[in-house]
Structures are given as C-alpha cells and as structure tokens.
C-alpha cells in the first residue's frame, strides 16, 4: 500500500526559501506524475506545480520563475523548491501522486 510523507514546511520571511519533500513508499515515484497543491484558509485547493513522468513540468503563473518541481528516482522522493516567497504563498502544501496524497505541510510567509 502506497504512502506519501511530506516534510520541509515552516515559517519563513518574505523573500526567503523553503524546500518541500514528498517521500514515497510502496510504489515507484518515477512511473507517475508528481503534483503539488496548496490550500490557503478559506480558499479552494489549487494546483501549484507538476512534473510528468517524462520530466516535463507545469507551473501556475503566480509561481513561475520562483518555484521548481523535481524528483529524485534514487531517493523515490519529489521536491518543490520555493524561492522569493511571498505572503500570498502561505498555505498548506500537499503532494499528490496518482491516488495518493501527502499529509500536508504548513508554509507560512511572514515578517
């Protein structure tokens, strides 16, 4: 039975960086697309970035040039590198692979 475990969230000042990790167990990550979603209080969950199994990537406009999605097949882990963070990036971030969801990790951008 597959599982995703996220880590890497926290409190960061505007302009700072964080790297989120999504460790998979029970299945091979590189056979699926890895997607990152976020949900801010009172808002719907939205797709932030995605890396397909062929390595192609997609980003929502508000994070283009600041976020980078990747995966490490040897580590069976997906990553979301977030730079130049803004207060509006504050949300709970979730990774998603096929039918599996991570538990979510809080990212708070505040001075």
Foldseek 3Di string as FASTA:
>chain_A
DKAWAKDWADEAAQQAKIKMKIAMPPDQQLVWKKWKWWDDPPGDIDTAKIAGSVGDMDGDPVQPPFWDWDADRVRSMIMIIGGSDDQVVFTWMWMDTDPYIYPTDTHGYHD
